[in-house]
Amino acid sequence: MEQLIRVIARALVDHPEDVQIQVREDARGLVYELSVHPDDVGKVIGKQGRIAKAVRTVVSSAAVKERKRVIVDIVSE
């Protein structure tokens, strides 16, 4: 799952070397915290959050196979 998020995020940004993913588990399920270069935050979120929503949809669909609840949070540094 982490690799899927990394591939999608690196395709979207201008600074792919700055893509970082932290994984933690909480009451909601597995949480993947995606952080990117400050200049690329808008590219990952998209207009009205459309790209972020699409990324979350793809990851959620892939997580169905593993029967886990997966959340993607975009964090700014």
N, C-alpha and C. Protein backbone atom coordinates (compact mmCIF):
# COMPACT_ATOMS: atom_id res chain seq x y z
N MET A 1 0.83 -1.19 0.00
CA MET A 1 0.00 0.00 0.00
C MET A 1 0.87 1.26 0.00
N GLU A 2 1.91 1.22 0.81
CA GLU A 2 2.81 2.37 0.89
C GLU A 2 3.46 2.63 -0.48
N GLN A 3 3.84 1.58 -1.16
CA GLN A 3 4.46 1.72 -2.47
C GLN A 3 3.49 2.34 -3.48
N LEU A 4 2.22 1.95 -3.41
CA LEU A 4 1.20 2.51 -4.31
C LEU A 4 1.08 4.02 -4.09
N ILE A 5 1.00 4.44 -2.85
CA ILE A 5 0.88 5.86 -2.53
C ILE A 5 2.12 6.61 -3.01
N ARG A 6 3.29 6.02 -2.79
CA ARG A 6 4.55 6.65 -3.19
C ARG A 6 4.61 6.84 -4.72
N VAL A 7 4.20 5.83 -5.48
CA VAL A 7 4.24 5.93 -6.95
C VAL A 7 3.29 7.01 -7.44
N ILE A 8 2.09 7.05 -6.88
CA ILE A 8 1.11 8.07 -7.30
C ILE A 8 1.61 9.47 -6.95
N ALA A 9 2.11 9.64 -5.73
CA ALA A 9 2.56 10.97 -5.29
C ALA A 9 3.76 11.45 -6.10
N ARG A 10 4.70 10.57 -6.38
CA ARG A 10 5.89 10.97 -7.14
C ARG A 10 5.53 11.37 -8.57
N ALA A 11 4.47 10.79 -9.11
CA ALA A 11 4.04 11.16 -10.46
C ALA A 11 3.40 12.55 -10.50
N LEU A 12 2.91 13.00 -9.37
CA LEU A 12 2.18 14.27 -9.32
C LEU A 12 3.07 15.48 -9.04
N VAL A 13 4.19 15.30 -8.37
CA VAL A 13 4.97 16.43 -7.84
C VAL A 13 6.18 16.77 -8.70
N ASP A 14 6.73 17.97 -8.44
CA ASP A 14 7.95 18.42 -9.11
C ASP A 14 9.21 17.97 -8.37
N HIS A 15 9.07 17.66 -7.08
CA HIS A 15 10.20 17.24 -6.25
C HIS A 15 9.94 15.83 -5.71
N PRO A 16 10.06 14.80 -6.55
CA PRO A 16 9.73 13.44 -6.12
C PRO A 16 10.64 12.91 -5.02
N GLU A 17 11.84 13.46 -4.89
CA GLU A 17 12.75 13.00 -3.84
C GLU A 17 12.29 13.42 -2.44
N ASP A 18 11.38 14.38 -2.36
CA ASP A 18 10.89 14.87 -1.07
C ASP A 18 9.61 14.17 -0.61
N VAL A 19 9.13 13.19 -1.35
CA VAL A 19 7.93 12.45 -0.96
C VAL A 19 8.28 11.51 0.19
N GLN A 20 7.57 11.67 1.30
CA GLN A 20 7.79 10.82 2.47
C GLN A 20 6.45 10.31 2.98
N ILE A 21 6.46 9.07 3.44
CA ILE A 21 5.25 8.46 3.96
C ILE A 21 5.54 7.84 5.32
N GLN A 22 4.73 8.22 6.29
CA GLN A 22 4.80 7.64 7.63
C GLN A 22 3.54 6.80 7.83
N VAL A 23 3.71 5.63 8.41
CA VAL A 23 2.58 4.73 8.64
C VAL A 23 2.37 4.59 10.15
N ARG A 24 1.13 4.72 10.56
CA ARG A 24 0.80 4.49 11.97
C ARG A 24 -0.59 3.89 12.04
N GLU A 25 -0.87 3.28 13.14
CA GLU A 25 -2.18 2.66 13.33
C GLU A 25 -2.87 3.34 14.50
N ASP A 26 -4.13 3.71 14.29
CA ASP A 26 -4.91 4.29 15.38
C ASP A 26 -6.31 3.70 15.35
N ALA A 27 -7.24 4.31 16.06
CA ALA A 27 -8.60 3.78 16.17
C ALA A 27 -9.32 3.75 14.81
N ARG A 28 -8.92 4.64 13.90
CA ARG A 28 -9.57 4.69 12.59
C ARG A 28 -9.08 3.58 11.66
N GLY A 29 -7.90 3.05 11.89
CA GLY A 29 -7.30 2.04 11.03
C GLY A 29 -5.87 2.39 10.73
N LEU A 30 -5.36 1.92 9.61
CA LEU A 30 -4.00 2.27 9.18
C LEU A 30 -4.01 3.66 8.58
N VAL A 31 -3.15 4.53 9.08
CA VAL A 31 -3.08 5.90 8.59
C VAL A 31 -1.74 6.11 7.90
N TYR A 32 -1.79 6.50 6.64
CA TYR A 32 -0.59 6.82 5.88
C TYR A 32 -0.52 8.34 5.80
N GLU A 33 0.53 8.92 6.39
CA GLU A 33 0.72 10.36 6.37
C GLU A 33 1.68 10.71 5.24
N LEU A 34 1.17 11.37 4.24
CA LEU A 34 1.95 11.74 3.06
C LEU A 34 2.45 13.16 3.22
N SER A 35 3.76 13.35 3.14
CA SER A 35 4.30 14.70 3.17
C SER A 35 5.15 14.91 1.91
N VAL A 36 5.02 16.09 1.34
CA VAL A 36 5.72 16.43 0.11
C VAL A 36 6.39 17.80 0.29
N HIS A 37 7.17 18.20 -0.67
CA HIS A 37 7.82 19.51 -0.67
C HIS A 37 6.73 20.58 -0.55
N PRO A 38 6.97 21.66 0.20
CA PRO A 38 5.94 22.70 0.37
C PRO A 38 5.38 23.27 -0.94
N ASP A 39 6.19 23.32 -1.98
CA ASP A 39 5.72 23.83 -3.27
C ASP A 39 4.77 22.86 -3.96
N ASP A 40 4.78 21.59 -3.55
CA ASP A 40 3.99 20.56 -4.22
C ASP A 40 2.69 20.20 -3.51
N VAL A 41 2.43 20.81 -2.38
CA VAL A 41 1.23 20.46 -1.60
C VAL A 41 -0.03 20.70 -2.43
N GLY A 42 -0.09 21.80 -3.14
CA GLY A 42 -1.26 22.10 -3.96
C GLY A 42 -1.46 21.11 -5.09
N LYS A 43 -0.38 20.57 -5.61
CA LYS A 43 -0.49 19.59 -6.70
C LYS A 43 -1.04 18.27 -6.20
N VAL A 44 -0.72 17.92 -4.97
CA VAL A 44 -1.22 16.66 -4.40
C VAL A 44 -2.68 16.80 -3.97
N ILE A 45 -3.06 17.98 -3.54
CA ILE A 45 -4.44 18.20 -3.10
C ILE A 45 -5.34 18.46 -4.31
N GLY A 46 -4.90 19.30 -5.23
CA GLY A 46 -5.69 19.59 -6.42
C GLY A 46 -6.78 20.61 -6.17
N LYS A 47 -7.43 21.03 -7.23
CA LYS A 47 -8.52 22.01 -7.11
C LYS A 47 -9.68 21.38 -6.36
N GLN A 48 -10.10 22.05 -5.32
CA GLN A 48 -11.21 21.60 -4.47
C GLN A 48 -10.98 20.19 -3.92
N GLY A 49 -9.70 19.78 -3.82
CA GLY A 49 -9.39 18.49 -3.24
C GLY A 49 -9.66 17.29 -4.12
N ARG A 50 -9.81 17.52 -5.40
CA ARG A 50 -10.17 16.43 -6.31
C ARG A 50 -9.08 15.37 -6.43
N ILE A 51 -7.83 15.79 -6.52
CA ILE A 51 -6.74 14.82 -6.66
C ILE A 51 -6.57 14.03 -5.37
N ALA A 52 -6.64 14.71 -4.23
CA ALA A 52 -6.54 14.02 -2.94
C ALA A 52 -7.66 12.99 -2.80
N LYS A 53 -8.84 13.36 -3.20
CA LYS A 53 -9.97 12.43 -3.12
C LYS A 53 -9.76 11.23 -4.04
N ALA A 54 -9.22 11.47 -5.23
CA ALA A 54 -8.96 10.38 -6.16
C ALA A 54 -7.89 9.43 -5.62
N VAL A 55 -6.85 9.98 -5.03
CA VAL A 55 -5.80 9.15 -4.43
C VAL A 55 -6.38 8.30 -3.31
N ARG A 56 -7.20 8.92 -2.47
CA ARG A 56 -7.83 8.17 -1.36
C ARG A 56 -8.75 7.07 -1.89
N THR A 57 -9.45 7.33 -2.98
CA THR A 57 -10.34 6.33 -3.57
C THR A 57 -9.55 5.14 -4.09
N VAL A 58 -8.45 5.40 -4.80
CA VAL A 58 -7.63 4.32 -5.34
C VAL A 58 -7.04 3.48 -4.20
N VAL A 59 -6.53 4.14 -3.18
CA VAL A 59 -5.92 3.42 -2.05
C VAL A 59 -6.98 2.63 -1.29
N SER A 60 -8.15 3.20 -1.09
CA SER A 60 -9.23 2.49 -0.40
C SER A 60 -9.67 1.26 -1.19
N SER A 61 -9.72 1.40 -2.50
CA SER A 61 -10.10 0.27 -3.34
C SER A 61 -9.06 -0.84 -3.27
N ALA A 62 -7.79 -0.48 -3.23
CA ALA A 62 -6.73 -1.48 -3.12
C ALA A 62 -6.73 -2.13 -1.74
N ALA A 63 -7.17 -1.40 -0.72
CA ALA A 63 -7.19 -1.92 0.65
C ALA A 63 -8.30 -2.93 0.88
N VAL A 64 -9.30 -2.93 0.02
CA VAL A 64 -10.40 -3.89 0.16
C VAL A 64 -9.88 -5.31 0.07
N LYS A 65 -8.88 -5.52 -0.77
CA LYS A 65 -8.27 -6.83 -0.91
C LYS A 65 -7.70 -7.33 0.42
N GLU A 66 -7.11 -6.42 1.18
CA GLU A 66 -6.48 -6.78 2.44
C GLU A 66 -7.46 -6.72 3.61
N ARG A 67 -8.66 -6.27 3.33
CA ARG A 67 -9.71 -6.13 4.36
C ARG A 67 -9.26 -5.28 5.54
N LYS A 68 -8.66 -4.14 5.20
CA LYS A 68 -8.21 -3.19 6.22
C LYS A 68 -8.76 -1.82 5.88
N ARG A 69 -8.96 -1.02 6.89
CA ARG A 69 -9.37 0.37 6.68
C ARG A 69 -8.11 1.21 6.56
N VAL A 70 -8.00 1.92 5.47
CA VAL A 70 -6.80 2.71 5.19
C VAL A 70 -7.20 4.16 4.99
N ILE A 71 -6.44 5.05 5.62
CA ILE A 71 -6.68 6.49 5.51
C ILE A 71 -5.40 7.14 5.01
N VAL A 72 -5.53 8.07 4.07
CA VAL A 72 -4.38 8.83 3.57
C VAL A 72 -4.54 10.27 4.03
N ASP A 73 -3.62 10.71 4.86
CA ASP A 73 -3.60 12.11 5.31
C ASP A 73 -2.45 12.84 4.64
N ILE A 74 -2.73 14.03 4.15
CA ILE A 74 -1.68 14.85 3.55
C ILE A 74 -1.28 15.90 4.58
N VAL A 75 -0.03 15.84 5.00
CA VAL A 75 0.45 16.75 6.03
C VAL A 75 1.40 17.75 5.41
N SER A 76 1.32 18.99 5.85
CA SER A 76 2.23 20.01 5.37
C SER A 76 3.27 20.28 6.45
N GLU A 77 4.47 20.51 6.03
CA GLU A 77 5.57 20.70 6.99
C GLU A 77 5.76 22.14 7.35
